[in-house]
Amino acid sequence: MPEDLTESEAETPVLDVLAAMTAASLEGSTLDPQTLLLVRLGALVAVDAPPPSYLLNLKVAGELGVTTEQVEGVLAAVAPVVGTPRIVAAAGKIARAVGLAVAVAVAEDEAAGAAAAG
């Protein structure tokens, strides 16, 4: 492992690059962080992003206080531009992303419980 990487960074290089890109985007924008994440959500819809992309961005958005109503507002705002099929696809992918997040959280809780019991 290169000396300038921590063990954690060596284990998740792609996620680390994405996190660094997101941080740079937040730092380089004149938008407030919530607005920036809502704009990114609109871009994800426009490019027909996969569920993990929604998961990563919605996780950060949630940490910044973005509400479900704001997410719904973005979908309504971009609908005339991207069309109904894109909005329906995005809603389904967001639902799958939320399901992924719940499954990961449950697995982490189970692993922590097993480690504590073992």
PDB file of N, CA and C in Angstrom:
ATOM      1  N   MET A   1       0.851  -1.180   0.000  1.00  0.00           N
ATOM      2  CA  MET A   1       0.000   0.000   0.000  1.00  0.00           C
ATOM      3  C   MET A   1       0.894   1.239   0.000  1.00  0.00           C
ATOM      4  N   PRO A   2       0.617   2.233  -0.873  1.00  0.00           N
ATOM      5  CA  PRO A   2       1.421   3.464  -0.869  1.00  0.00           C
ATOM      6  C   PRO A   2       1.365   4.136   0.501  1.00  0.00           C
ATOM      7  N   GLU A   3       2.454   4.763   0.865  1.00  0.00           N
ATOM      8  CA  GLU A   3       2.556   5.365   2.193  1.00  0.00           C
ATOM      9  C   GLU A   3       1.589   6.518   2.417  1.00  0.00           C
ATOM     10  N   ASP A   4       1.165   7.197   1.349  1.00  0.00           N
ATOM     11  CA  ASP A   4       0.294   8.352   1.523  1.00  0.00           C
ATOM     12  C   ASP A   4      -1.185   7.972   1.654  1.00  0.00           C
ATOM     13  N   LEU A   5      -1.524   6.680   1.592  1.00  0.00           N
ATOM     14  CA  LEU A   5      -2.899   6.229   1.756  1.00  0.00           C
ATOM     15  C   LEU A   5      -3.086   5.585   3.116  1.00  0.00           C
ATOM     16  N   THR A   6      -4.210   5.921   3.749  1.00  0.00           N
ATOM     17  CA  THR A   6      -4.548   5.223   4.991  1.00  0.00           C
ATOM     18  C   THR A   6      -5.100   3.857   4.619  1.00  0.00           C
ATOM     19  N   GLU A   7      -5.213   2.964   5.596  1.00  0.00           N
ATOM     20  CA  GLU A   7      -5.764   1.634   5.317  1.00  0.00           C
ATOM     21  C   GLU A   7      -7.184   1.738   4.790  1.00  0.00           C
ATOM     22  N   SER A   8      -7.987   2.638   5.363  1.00  0.00           N
ATOM     23  CA  SER A   8      -9.366   2.833   4.923  1.00  0.00           C
ATOM     24  C   SER A   8      -9.417   3.301   3.473  1.00  0.00           C
ATOM     25  N   GLU A   9      -8.559   4.239   3.101  1.00  0.00           N
ATOM     26  CA  GLU A   9      -8.540   4.748   1.732  1.00  0.00           C
ATOM     27  C   GLU A   9      -8.130   3.670   0.745  1.00  0.00           C
ATOM     28  N   ALA A  10      -7.227   2.789   1.135  1.00  0.00           N
ATOM     29  CA  ALA A  10      -6.790   1.715   0.261  1.00  0.00           C
ATOM     30  C   ALA A  10      -7.908   0.706   0.031  1.00  0.00           C
ATOM     31  N   GLU A  11      -8.825   0.573   0.974  1.00  0.00           N
ATOM     32  CA  GLU A  11      -9.919  -0.390   0.874  1.00  0.00           C
ATOM     33  C   GLU A  11     -11.083   0.123   0.039  1.00  0.00           C
ATOM     34  N   THR A  12     -11.261   1.435  -0.052  1.00  0.00           N
ATOM     35  CA  THR A  12     -12.410   2.007  -0.776  1.00  0.00           C
ATOM     36  C   THR A  12     -11.976   3.123  -1.724  1.00  0.00           C
ATOM     37  N   PRO A  13     -11.094   2.830  -2.673  1.00  0.00           N
ATOM     38  CA  PRO A  13     -10.566   3.917  -3.515  1.00  0.00           C
ATOM     39  C   PRO A  13     -11.619   4.634  -4.353  1.00  0.00           C
ATOM     40  N   VAL A  14     -12.584   3.917  -4.895  1.00  0.00           N
ATOM     41  CA  VAL A  14     -13.605   4.562  -5.729  1.00  0.00           C
ATOM     42  C   VAL A  14     -14.495   5.459  -4.883  1.00  0.00           C
ATOM     43  N   LEU A  15     -14.946   4.938  -3.729  1.00  0.00           N
ATOM     44  CA  LEU A  15     -15.779   5.757  -2.853  1.00  0.00           C
ATOM     45  C   LEU A  15     -15.021   6.983  -2.364  1.00  0.00           C
ATOM     46  N   ASP A  16     -13.729   6.820  -2.102  1.00  0.00           N
ATOM     47  CA  ASP A  16     -12.931   7.950  -1.645  1.00  0.00           C
ATOM     48  C   ASP A  16     -12.809   9.026  -2.724  1.00  0.00           C
ATOM     49  N   VAL A  17     -12.653   8.606  -3.973  1.00  0.00           N
ATOM     50  CA  VAL A  17     -12.584   9.573  -5.077  1.00  0.00           C
ATOM     51  C   VAL A  17     -13.915  10.302  -5.214  1.00  0.00           C
ATOM     52  N   LEU A  18     -15.021   9.546  -5.131  1.00  0.00           N
ATOM     53  CA  LEU A  18     -16.343  10.179  -5.229  1.00  0.00           C
ATOM     54  C   LEU A  18     -16.576  11.156  -4.085  1.00  0.00           C
ATOM     55  N   ALA A  19     -16.158  10.776  -2.886  1.00  0.00           N
ATOM     56  CA  ALA A  19     -16.308  11.677  -1.737  1.00  0.00           C
ATOM     57  C   ALA A  19     -15.481  12.934  -1.934  1.00  0.00           C
ATOM     58  N   ALA A  20     -14.275  12.783  -2.445  1.00  0.00           N
ATOM     59  CA  ALA A  20     -13.410  13.945  -2.688  1.00  0.00           C
ATOM     60  C   ALA A  20     -14.007  14.847  -3.769  1.00  0.00           C
ATOM     61  N   MET A  21     -14.588  14.244  -4.801  1.00  0.00           N
ATOM     62  CA  MET A  21     -15.222  15.043  -5.858  1.00  0.00           C
ATOM     63  C   MET A  21     -16.415  15.813  -5.305  1.00  0.00           C
ATOM     64  N   THR A  22     -17.203  15.152  -4.455  1.00  0.00           N
ATOM     65  CA  THR A  22     -18.353  15.818  -3.858  1.00  0.00           C
ATOM     66  C   THR A  22     -17.906  16.964  -2.964  1.00  0.00           C
ATOM     67  N   ALA A  23     -16.874  16.732  -2.166  1.00  0.00           N
ATOM     68  CA  ALA A  23     -16.357  17.790  -1.287  1.00  0.00           C
ATOM     69  C   ALA A  23     -15.857  18.966  -2.111  1.00  0.00           C
ATOM     70  N   ALA A  24     -15.139  18.687  -3.196  1.00  0.00           N
ATOM     71  CA  ALA A  24     -14.637  19.762  -4.056  1.00  0.00           C
ATOM     72  C   ALA A  24     -15.789  20.528  -4.685  1.00  0.00           C
ATOM     73  N   SER A  25     -16.844  19.818  -5.060  1.00  0.00           N
ATOM     74  CA  SER A  25     -18.014  20.458  -5.641  1.00  0.00           C
ATOM     75  C   SER A  25     -18.675  21.389  -4.633  1.00  0.00           C
ATOM     76  N   LEU A  26     -18.793  20.927  -3.387  1.00  0.00           N
ATOM     77  CA  LEU A  26     -19.381  21.761  -2.333  1.00  0.00           C
ATOM     78  C   LEU A  26     -18.535  23.002  -2.081  1.00  0.00           C
ATOM     79  N   GLU A  27     -17.220  22.817  -2.041  1.00  0.00           N
ATOM     80  CA  GLU A  27     -16.311  23.933  -1.762  1.00  0.00           C
ATOM     81  C   GLU A  27     -16.238  24.928  -2.917  1.00  0.00           C
ATOM     82  N   GLY A  28     -16.383  24.432  -4.147  1.00  0.00           N
ATOM     83  CA  GLY A  28     -16.212  25.289  -5.314  1.00  0.00           C
ATOM     84  C   GLY A  28     -17.468  25.974  -5.794  1.00  0.00           C
ATOM     85  N   SER A  29     -18.595  25.686  -5.170  1.00  0.00           N
ATOM     86  CA  SER A  29     -19.856  26.253  -5.615  1.00  0.00           C
ATOM     87  C   SER A  29     -20.257  27.445  -4.751  1.00  0.00           C
ATOM     88  N   THR A  30     -20.968  28.366  -5.361  1.00  0.00           N
ATOM     89  CA  THR A  30     -21.512  29.489  -4.595  1.00  0.00           C
ATOM     90  C   THR A  30     -22.899  29.150  -4.034  1.00  0.00           C
ATOM     91  N   LEU A  31     -23.408  27.961  -4.389  1.00  0.00           N
ATOM     92  CA  LEU A  31     -24.700  27.528  -3.863  1.00  0.00           C
ATOM     93  C   LEU A  31     -24.532  27.040  -2.431  1.00  0.00           C
ATOM     94  N   ASP A  32     -25.587  27.171  -1.638  1.00  0.00           N
ATOM     95  CA  ASP A  32     -25.539  26.585  -0.307  1.00  0.00           C
ATOM     96  C   ASP A  32     -25.577  25.067  -0.480  1.00  0.00           C
ATOM     97  N   PRO A  33     -25.068  24.311   0.497  1.00  0.00           N
ATOM     98  CA  PRO A  33     -24.966  22.854   0.337  1.00  0.00           C
ATOM     99  C   PRO A  33     -26.285  22.151   0.014  1.00  0.00           C
ATOM    100  N   GLN A  34     -27.396  22.555   0.639  1.00  0.00           N
ATOM    101  CA  GLN A  34     -28.680  21.917   0.333  1.00  0.00           C
ATOM    102  C   GLN A  34     -29.072  22.131  -1.127  1.00  0.00           C
ATOM    103  N   THR A  35     -28.965  23.363  -1.588  1.00  0.00           N
ATOM    104  CA  THR A  35     -29.325  23.668  -2.974  1.00  0.00           C
ATOM    105  C   THR A  35     -28.435  22.901  -3.934  1.00  0.00           C
ATOM    106  N   LEU A  36     -27.149  22.829  -3.640  1.00  0.00           N
ATOM    107  CA  LEU A  36     -26.220  22.096  -4.495  1.00  0.00           C
ATOM    108  C   LEU A  36     -26.642  20.631  -4.618  1.00  0.00           C
ATOM    109  N   LEU A  37     -27.016  20.002  -3.506  1.00  0.00           N
ATOM    110  CA  LEU A  37     -27.429  18.597  -3.557  1.00  0.00           C
ATOM    111  C   LEU A  37     -28.734  18.435  -4.310  1.00  0.00           C
ATOM    112  N   LEU A  38     -29.640  19.403  -4.206  1.00  0.00           N
ATOM    113  CA  LEU A  38     -30.888  19.338  -4.966  1.00  0.00           C
ATOM    114  C   LEU A  38     -30.621  19.492  -6.466  1.00  0.00           C
ATOM    115  N   VAL A  39     -29.696  20.345  -6.824  1.00  0.00           N
ATOM    116  CA  VAL A  39     -29.314  20.496  -8.234  1.00  0.00           C
ATOM    117  C   VAL A  39     -28.692  19.194  -8.738  1.00  0.00           C
ATOM    118  N   ARG A  40     -27.826  18.593  -7.909  1.00  0.00           N
ATOM    119  CA  ARG A  40     -27.224  17.309  -8.284  1.00  0.00           C
ATOM    120  C   ARG A  40     -28.295  16.244  -8.494  1.00  0.00           C
ATOM    121  N   LEU A  41     -29.320  16.242  -7.655  1.00  0.00           N
ATOM    122  CA  LEU A  41     -30.419  15.300  -7.821  1.00  0.00           C
ATOM    123  C   LEU A  41     -31.083  15.493  -9.185  1.00  0.00           C
ATOM    124  N   GLY A  42     -31.326  16.736  -9.552  1.00  0.00           N
ATOM    125  CA  GLY A  42     -31.900  17.011 -10.869  1.00  0.00           C
ATOM    126  C   GLY A  42     -31.007  16.504 -11.986  1.00  0.00           C
ATOM    127  N   ALA A  43     -29.702  16.646 -11.820  1.00  0.00           N
ATOM    128  CA  ALA A  43     -28.756  16.149 -12.822  1.00  0.00           C
ATOM    129  C   ALA A  43     -28.783  14.619 -12.884  1.00  0.00           C
ATOM    130  N   LEU A  44     -28.902  13.971 -11.723  1.00  0.00           N
ATOM    131  CA  LEU A  44     -28.986  12.504 -11.713  1.00  0.00           C
ATOM    132  C   LEU A  44     -30.200  12.022 -12.494  1.00  0.00           C
ATOM    133  N   VAL A  45     -31.324  12.714 -12.319  1.00  0.00           N
ATOM    134  CA  VAL A  45     -32.531  12.362 -13.070  1.00  0.00           C
ATOM    135  C   VAL A  45     -32.258  12.539 -14.565  1.00  0.00           C
ATOM    136  N   ALA A  46     -31.642  13.643 -14.937  1.00  0.00           N
ATOM    137  CA  ALA A  46     -31.403  13.956 -16.347  1.00  0.00           C
ATOM    138  C   ALA A  46     -30.500  12.925 -17.028  1.00  0.00           C
ATOM    139  N   VAL A  47     -29.539  12.376 -16.293  1.00  0.00           N
ATOM    140  CA  VAL A  47     -28.610  11.415 -16.914  1.00  0.00           C
ATOM    141  C   VAL A  47     -29.036   9.965 -16.690  1.00  0.00           C
ATOM    142  N   ASP A  48     -30.201   9.763 -16.080  1.00  0.00           N
ATOM    143  CA  ASP A  48     -30.730   8.420 -15.814  1.00  0.00           C
ATOM    144  C   ASP A  48     -29.745   7.606 -14.976  1.00  0.00           C
ATOM    145  N   ALA A  49     -29.345   8.201 -13.858  1.00  0.00           N
ATOM    146  CA  ALA A  49     -28.337   7.600 -12.975  1.00  0.00           C
ATOM    147  C   ALA A  49     -28.850   6.315 -12.334  1.00  0.00           C
ATOM    148  N   PRO A  50     -27.938   5.419 -11.966  1.00  0.00           N
ATOM    149  CA  PRO A  50     -28.322   4.180 -11.289  1.00  0.00           C
ATOM    150  C   PRO A  50     -28.612   4.421  -9.807  1.00  0.00           C
ATOM    151  N   PRO A  51     -29.309   3.483  -9.156  1.00  0.00           N
ATOM    152  CA  PRO A  51     -29.667   3.651  -7.736  1.00  0.00           C
ATOM    153  C   PRO A  51     -28.498   4.008  -6.813  1.00  0.00           C
ATOM    154  N   PRO A  52     -27.316   3.399  -6.965  1.00  0.00           N
ATOM    155  CA  PRO A  52     -26.237   3.779  -6.034  1.00  0.00           C
ATOM    156  C   PRO A  52     -25.858   5.261  -6.097  1.00  0.00           C
ATOM    157  N   SER A  53     -26.015   5.876  -7.264  1.00  0.00           N
ATOM    158  CA  SER A  53     -25.726   7.312  -7.369  1.00  0.00           C
ATOM    159  C   SER A  53     -26.719   8.116  -6.544  1.00  0.00           C
ATOM    160  N   TYR A  54     -27.977   7.722  -6.611  1.00  0.00           N
ATOM    161  CA  TYR A  54     -28.982   8.381  -5.778  1.00  0.00           C
ATOM    162  C   TYR A  54     -28.678   8.145  -4.306  1.00  0.00           C
ATOM    163  N   LEU A  55     -28.290   6.919  -3.970  1.00  0.00           N
ATOM    164  CA  LEU A  55     -28.000   6.576  -2.580  1.00  0.00           C
ATOM    165  C   LEU A  55     -26.898   7.469  -2.018  1.00  0.00           C
ATOM    166  N   LEU A  56     -25.802   7.601  -2.752  1.00  0.00           N
ATOM    167  CA  LEU A  56     -24.683   8.425  -2.273  1.00  0.00           C
ATOM    168  C   LEU A  56     -25.101   9.880  -2.081  1.00  0.00           C
ATOM    169  N   ASN A  57     -25.806  10.411  -3.055  1.00  0.00           N
ATOM    170  CA  ASN A  57     -26.174  11.824  -2.991  1.00  0.00           C
ATOM    171  C   ASN A  57     -27.304  12.095  -2.001  1.00  0.00           C
ATOM    172  N   LEU A  58     -28.274  11.190  -1.919  1.00  0.00           N
ATOM    173  CA  LEU A  58     -29.368  11.395  -0.973  1.00  0.00           C
ATOM    174  C   LEU A  58     -28.901  11.219   0.467  1.00  0.00           C
ATOM    175  N   LYS A  59     -27.890  10.386   0.666  1.00  0.00           N
ATOM    176  CA  LYS A  59     -27.334  10.242   2.020  1.00  0.00           C
ATOM    177  C   LYS A  59     -26.758  11.576   2.480  1.00  0.00           C
ATOM    178  N   VAL A  60     -25.943  12.186   1.637  1.00  0.00           N
ATOM    179  CA  VAL A  60     -25.359  13.488   1.972  1.00  0.00           C
ATOM    180  C   VAL A  60     -26.457  14.534   2.105  1.00  0.00           C
ATOM    181  N   ALA A  61     -27.423  14.514   1.187  1.00  0.00           N
ATOM    182  CA  ALA A  61     -28.519  15.483   1.238  1.00  0.00           C
ATOM    183  C   ALA A  61     -29.286  15.365   2.556  1.00  0.00           C
ATOM    184  N   GLY A  62     -29.553  14.135   2.966  1.00  0.00           N
ATOM    185  CA  GLY A  62     -30.255  13.928   4.233  1.00  0.00           C
ATOM    186  C   GLY A  62     -29.459  14.453   5.409  1.00  0.00           C
ATOM    187  N   GLU A  63     -28.150  14.256   5.371  1.00  0.00           N
ATOM    188  CA  GLU A  63     -27.289  14.764   6.442  1.00  0.00           C
ATOM    189  C   GLU A  63     -27.308  16.289   6.486  1.00  0.00           C
ATOM    190  N   LEU A  64     -27.588  16.907   5.341  1.00  0.00           N
ATOM    191  CA  LEU A  64     -27.639  18.367   5.266  1.00  0.00           C
ATOM    192  C   LEU A  64     -29.042  18.913   5.518  1.00  0.00           C
ATOM    193  N   GLY A  65     -29.991  18.020   5.813  1.00  0.00           N
ATOM    194  CA  GLY A  65     -31.340  18.472   6.145  1.00  0.00           C
ATOM    195  C   GLY A  65     -32.293  18.583   4.981  1.00  0.00           C
ATOM    196  N   VAL A  66     -31.926  18.061   3.813  1.00  0.00           N
ATOM    197  CA  VAL A  66     -32.840  18.076   2.675  1.00  0.00           C
ATOM    198  C   VAL A  66     -34.017  17.161   3.010  1.00  0.00           C
ATOM    199  N   THR A  67     -35.206  17.644   2.744  1.00  0.00           N
ATOM    200  CA  THR A  67     -36.421  16.902   3.092  1.00  0.00           C
ATOM    201  C   THR A  67     -36.964  16.109   1.905  1.00  0.00           C
ATOM    202  N   THR A  68     -37.833  15.170   2.218  1.00  0.00           N
ATOM    203  CA  THR A  68     -38.521  14.398   1.177  1.00  0.00           C
ATOM    204  C   THR A  68     -39.312  15.336   0.273  1.00  0.00           C
ATOM    205  N   GLU A  69     -39.919  16.342   0.868  1.00  0.00           N
ATOM    206  CA  GLU A  69     -40.704  17.298   0.082  1.00  0.00           C
ATOM    207  C   GLU A  69     -39.820  18.050  -0.912  1.00  0.00           C
ATOM    208  N   GLN A  70     -38.598  18.380  -0.515  1.00  0.00           N
ATOM    209  CA  GLN A  70     -37.688  19.060  -1.434  1.00  0.00           C
ATOM    210  C   GLN A  70     -37.282  18.142  -2.583  1.00  0.00           C
ATOM    211  N   VAL A  71     -37.040  16.866  -2.279  1.00  0.00           N
ATOM    212  CA  VAL A  71     -36.705  15.899  -3.328  1.00  0.00           C
ATOM    213  C   VAL A  71     -37.869  15.775  -4.298  1.00  0.00           C
ATOM    214  N   GLU A  72     -39.079  15.665  -3.765  1.00  0.00           N
ATOM    215  CA  GLU A  72     -40.260  15.605  -4.623  1.00  0.00           C
ATOM    216  C   GLU A  72     -40.389  16.878  -5.457  1.00  0.00           C
ATOM    217  N   GLY A  73     -40.053  18.019  -4.861  1.00  0.00           N
ATOM    218  CA  GLY A  73     -40.094  19.286  -5.593  1.00  0.00           C
ATOM    219  C   GLY A  73     -39.139  19.315  -6.762  1.00  0.00           C
ATOM    220  N   VAL A  74     -37.951  18.739  -6.577  1.00  0.00           N
ATOM    221  CA  VAL A  74     -36.982  18.664  -7.681  1.00  0.00           C
ATOM    222  C   VAL A  74     -37.538  17.788  -8.798  1.00  0.00           C
ATOM    223  N   LEU A  75     -38.105  16.645  -8.430  1.00  0.00           N
ATOM    224  CA  LEU A  75     -38.675  15.765  -9.465  1.00  0.00           C
ATOM    225  C   LEU A  75     -39.772  16.480 -10.240  1.00  0.00           C
ATOM    226  N   ALA A  76     -40.633  17.223  -9.534  1.00  0.00           N
ATOM    227  CA  ALA A  76     -41.693  17.973 -10.207  1.00  0.00           C
ATOM    228  C   ALA A  76     -41.116  19.083 -11.085  1.00  0.00           C
ATOM    229  N   ALA A  77     -40.042  19.721 -10.609  1.00  0.00           N
ATOM    230  CA  ALA A  77     -39.446  20.835 -11.359  1.00  0.00           C
ATOM    231  C   ALA A  77     -38.795  20.374 -12.658  1.00  0.00           C
ATOM    232  N   VAL A  78     -38.146  19.212 -12.641  1.00  0.00           N
ATOM    233  CA  VAL A  78     -37.436  18.767 -13.849  1.00  0.00           C
ATOM    234  C   VAL A  78     -38.318  17.936 -14.772  1.00  0.00           C
ATOM    235  N   ALA A  79     -39.498  17.540 -14.312  1.00  0.00           N
ATOM    236  CA  ALA A  79     -40.387  16.697 -15.123  1.00  0.00           C
ATOM    237  C   ALA A  79     -40.682  17.273 -16.507  1.00  0.00           C
ATOM    238  N   PRO A  80     -40.982  18.572 -16.633  1.00  0.00           N
ATOM    239  CA  PRO A  80     -41.270  19.090 -17.971  1.00  0.00           C
ATOM    240  C   PRO A  80     -40.067  19.039 -18.919  1.00  0.00           C
ATOM    241  N   VAL A  81     -38.885  19.009 -18.361  1.00  0.00           N
ATOM    242  CA  VAL A  81     -37.681  18.984 -19.191  1.00  0.00           C
ATOM    243  C   VAL A  81     -37.283  17.551 -19.559  1.00  0.00           C
ATOM    244  N   VAL A  82     -37.320  16.646 -18.573  1.00  0.00           N
ATOM    245  CA  VAL A  82     -36.829  15.287 -18.803  1.00  0.00           C
ATOM    246  C   VAL A  82     -37.925  14.303 -19.209  1.00  0.00           C
ATOM    247  N   GLY A  83     -39.173  14.620 -18.903  1.00  0.00           N
ATOM    248  CA  GLY A  83     -40.282  13.772 -19.303  1.00  0.00           C
ATOM    249  C   GLY A  83     -40.712  12.765 -18.244  1.00  0.00           C
ATOM    250  N   THR A  84     -41.935  12.298 -18.416  1.00  0.00           N
ATOM    251  CA  THR A  84     -42.537  11.357 -17.473  1.00  0.00           C
ATOM    252  C   THR A  84     -41.728  10.069 -17.311  1.00  0.00           C
ATOM    253  N   PRO A  85     -41.263   9.437 -18.390  1.00  0.00           N
ATOM    254  CA  PRO A  85     -40.519   8.183 -18.202  1.00  0.00           C
ATOM    255  C   PRO A  85     -39.281   8.344 -17.318  1.00  0.00           C
ATOM    256  N   ARG A  86     -38.573   9.447 -17.470  1.00  0.00           N
ATOM    257  CA  ARG A  86     -37.378   9.682 -16.644  1.00  0.00           C
ATOM    258  C   ARG A  86     -37.760   9.872 -15.181  1.00  0.00           C
ATOM    259  N   ILE A  87     -38.854  10.564 -14.926  1.00  0.00           N
ATOM    260  CA  ILE A  87     -39.291  10.802 -13.544  1.00  0.00           C
ATOM    261  C   ILE A  87     -39.724   9.495 -12.898  1.00  0.00           C
ATOM    262  N   VAL A  88     -40.476   8.682 -13.626  1.00  0.00           N
ATOM    263  CA  VAL A  88     -40.916   7.398 -13.092  1.00  0.00           C
ATOM    264  C   VAL A  88     -39.700   6.507 -12.824  1.00  0.00           C
ATOM    265  N   ALA A  89     -38.749   6.491 -13.756  1.00  0.00           N
ATOM    266  CA  ALA A  89     -37.533   5.699 -13.561  1.00  0.00           C
ATOM    267  C   ALA A  89     -36.749   6.206 -12.350  1.00  0.00           C
ATOM    268  N   ALA A  90     -36.635   7.518 -12.212  1.00  0.00           N
ATOM    269  CA  ALA A  90     -35.898   8.095 -11.083  1.00  0.00           C
ATOM    270  C   ALA A  90     -36.575   7.746  -9.763  1.00  0.00           C
ATOM    271  N   ALA A  91     -37.885   7.834  -9.716  1.00  0.00           N
ATOM    272  CA  ALA A  91     -38.603   7.502  -8.483  1.00  0.00           C
ATOM    273  C   ALA A  91     -38.356   6.048  -8.091  1.00  0.00           C
ATOM    274  N   GLY A  92     -38.379   5.149  -9.069  1.00  0.00           N
ATOM    275  CA  GLY A  92     -38.100   3.747  -8.798  1.00  0.00           C
ATOM    276  C   GLY A  92     -36.673   3.533  -8.315  1.00  0.00           C
ATOM    277  N   LYS A  93     -35.735   4.237  -8.921  1.00  0.00           N
ATOM    278  CA  LYS A  93     -34.330   4.100  -8.517  1.00  0.00           C
ATOM    279  C   LYS A  93     -34.091   4.688  -7.132  1.00  0.00           C
ATOM    280  N   ILE A  94     -34.778   5.761  -6.816  1.00  0.00           N
ATOM    281  CA  ILE A  94     -34.679   6.333  -5.468  1.00  0.00           C
ATOM    282  C   ILE A  94     -35.227   5.332  -4.454  1.00  0.00           C
ATOM    283  N   ALA A  95     -36.346   4.704  -4.775  1.00  0.00           N
ATOM    284  CA  ALA A  95     -36.927   3.701  -3.870  1.00  0.00           C
ATOM    285  C   ALA A  95     -35.960   2.532  -3.683  1.00  0.00           C
ATOM    286  N   ARG A  96     -35.320   2.085  -4.779  1.00  0.00           N
ATOM    287  CA  ARG A  96     -34.336   0.997  -4.652  1.00  0.00           C
ATOM    288  C   ARG A  96     -33.141   1.443  -3.829  1.00  0.00           C
ATOM    289  N   ALA A  97     -32.714   2.698  -4.008  1.00  0.00           N
ATOM    290  CA  ALA A  97     -31.580   3.219  -3.240  1.00  0.00           C
ATOM    291  C   ALA A  97     -31.908   3.241  -1.753  1.00  0.00           C
ATOM    292  N   VAL A  98     -33.113   3.650  -1.412  1.00  0.00           N
ATOM    293  CA  VAL A  98     -33.528   3.667  -0.011  1.00  0.00           C
ATOM    294  C   VAL A  98     -33.556   2.234   0.523  1.00  0.00           C
ATOM    295  N   GLY A  99     -34.038   1.304  -0.290  1.00  0.00           N
ATOM    296  CA  GLY A  99     -34.046  -0.105   0.108  1.00  0.00           C
ATOM    297  C   GLY A  99     -32.645  -0.627   0.334  1.00  0.00           C
ATOM    298  N   LEU A 100     -31.696  -0.219  -0.519  1.00  0.00           N
ATOM    299  CA  LEU A 100     -30.295  -0.611  -0.336  1.00  0.00           C
ATOM    300  C   LEU A 100     -29.755  -0.069   0.974  1.00  0.00           C
ATOM    301  N   ALA A 101     -30.082   1.170   1.273  1.00  0.00           N
ATOM    302  CA  ALA A 101     -29.593   1.792   2.506  1.00  0.00           C
ATOM    303  C   ALA A 101     -30.132   1.063   3.723  1.00  0.00           C
ATOM    304  N   VAL A 102     -31.391   0.687   3.678  1.00  0.00           N
ATOM    305  CA  VAL A 102     -31.997  -0.033   4.801  1.00  0.00           C
ATOM    306  C   VAL A 102     -31.347  -1.410   4.942  1.00  0.00           C
ATOM    307  N   ALA A 103     -31.137  -2.097   3.832  1.00  0.00           N
ATOM    308  CA  ALA A 103     -30.519  -3.426   3.878  1.00  0.00           C
ATOM    309  C   ALA A 103     -29.101  -3.356   4.436  1.00  0.00           C
ATOM    310  N   VAL A 104     -28.350  -2.351   4.038  1.00  0.00           N
ATOM    311  CA  VAL A 104     -26.986  -2.184   4.550  1.00  0.00           C
ATOM    312  C   VAL A 104     -27.019  -1.893   6.044  1.00  0.00           C
ATOM    313  N   ALA A 105     -27.923  -1.032   6.470  1.00  0.00           N
ATOM    314  CA  ALA A 105     -28.015  -0.690   7.893  1.00  0.00           C
ATOM    315  C   ALA A 105     -28.384  -1.916   8.732  1.00  0.00           C
ATOM    316  N   VAL A 106     -29.312  -2.715   8.237  1.00  0.00           N
ATOM    317  CA  VAL A 106     -29.708  -3.931   8.957  1.00  0.00           C
ATOM    318  C   VAL A 106     -28.533  -4.896   9.038  1.00  0.00           C
ATOM    319  N   ALA A 107     -27.823  -5.081   7.943  1.00  0.00           N
ATOM    320  CA  ALA A 107     -26.665  -5.986   7.934  1.00  0.00           C
ATOM    321  C   ALA A 107     -25.592  -5.506   8.900  1.00  0.00           C
ATOM    322  N   GLU A 108     -25.354  -4.196   8.935  1.00  0.00           N
ATOM    323  CA  GLU A 108     -24.354  -3.642   9.860  1.00  0.00           C
ATOM    324  C   GLU A 108     -24.787  -3.853  11.306  1.00  0.00           C
ATOM    325  N   ASP A 109     -26.081  -3.654  11.592  1.00  0.00           N
ATOM    326  CA  ASP A 109     -26.588  -3.882  12.948  1.00  0.00           C
ATOM    327  C   ASP A 109     -26.454  -5.344  13.353  1.00  0.00           C
ATOM    328  N   GLU A 110     -26.774  -6.242  12.414  1.00  0.00           N
ATOM    329  CA  GLU A 110     -26.648  -7.673  12.713  1.00  0.00           C
ATOM    330  C   GLU A 110     -25.195  -8.068  12.958  1.00  0.00           C
ATOM    331  N   ALA A 111     -24.285  -7.523  12.146  1.00  0.00           N
ATOM    332  CA  ALA A 111     -22.863  -7.826  12.314  1.00  0.00           C
ATOM    333  C   ALA A 111     -22.350  -7.288  13.639  1.00  0.00           C
ATOM    334  N   ALA A 112     -22.774  -6.082  13.997  1.00  0.00           N
ATOM    335  CA  ALA A 112     -22.361  -5.506  15.273  1.00  0.00           C
ATOM    336  C   ALA A 112     -22.908  -6.314  16.440  1.00  0.00           C
ATOM    337  N   GLY A 113     -24.150  -6.783  16.328  1.00  0.00           N
ATOM    338  CA  GLY A 113     -24.749  -7.607  17.362  1.00  0.00           C
ATOM    339  C   GLY A 113     -24.043  -8.939  17.506  1.00  0.00           C
ATOM    340  N   ALA A 114     -23.683  -9.542  16.374  1.00  0.00           N
ATOM    341  CA  ALA A 114     -22.956 -10.812  16.410  1.00  0.00           C
ATOM    342  C   ALA A 114     -21.573 -10.638  17.007  1.00  0.00           C
ATOM    343  N   ALA A 115     -20.907  -9.539  16.675  1.00  0.00           N
ATOM    344  CA  ALA A 115     -19.575  -9.271  17.211  1.00  0.00           C
ATOM    345  C   ALA A 115     -19.634  -9.037  18.715  1.00  0.00           C
ATOM    346  N   ALA A 116     -20.667  -8.347  19.163  1.00  0.00           N
ATOM    347  CA  ALA A 116     -20.813  -8.072  20.598  1.00  0.00           C
ATOM    348  C   ALA A 116     -21.150  -9.353  21.369  1.00  0.00           C
ATOM    349  N   ALA A 117     -21.909 -10.239  20.739  1.00  0.00           N
ATOM    350  CA  ALA A 117     -22.301 -11.485  21.406  1.00  0.00           C
ATOM    351  C   ALA A 117     -21.191 -12.532  21.372  1.00  0.00           C
ATOM    352  N   GLY A 118     -20.307 -12.400  20.373  1.00  0.00           N
ATOM    353  CA  GLY A 118     -19.309 -13.445  20.151  1.00  0.00           C
ATOM    354  C   GLY A 118     -18.059 -13.230  20.835  1.00  0.00           C
TER     355      GLY A 118
END
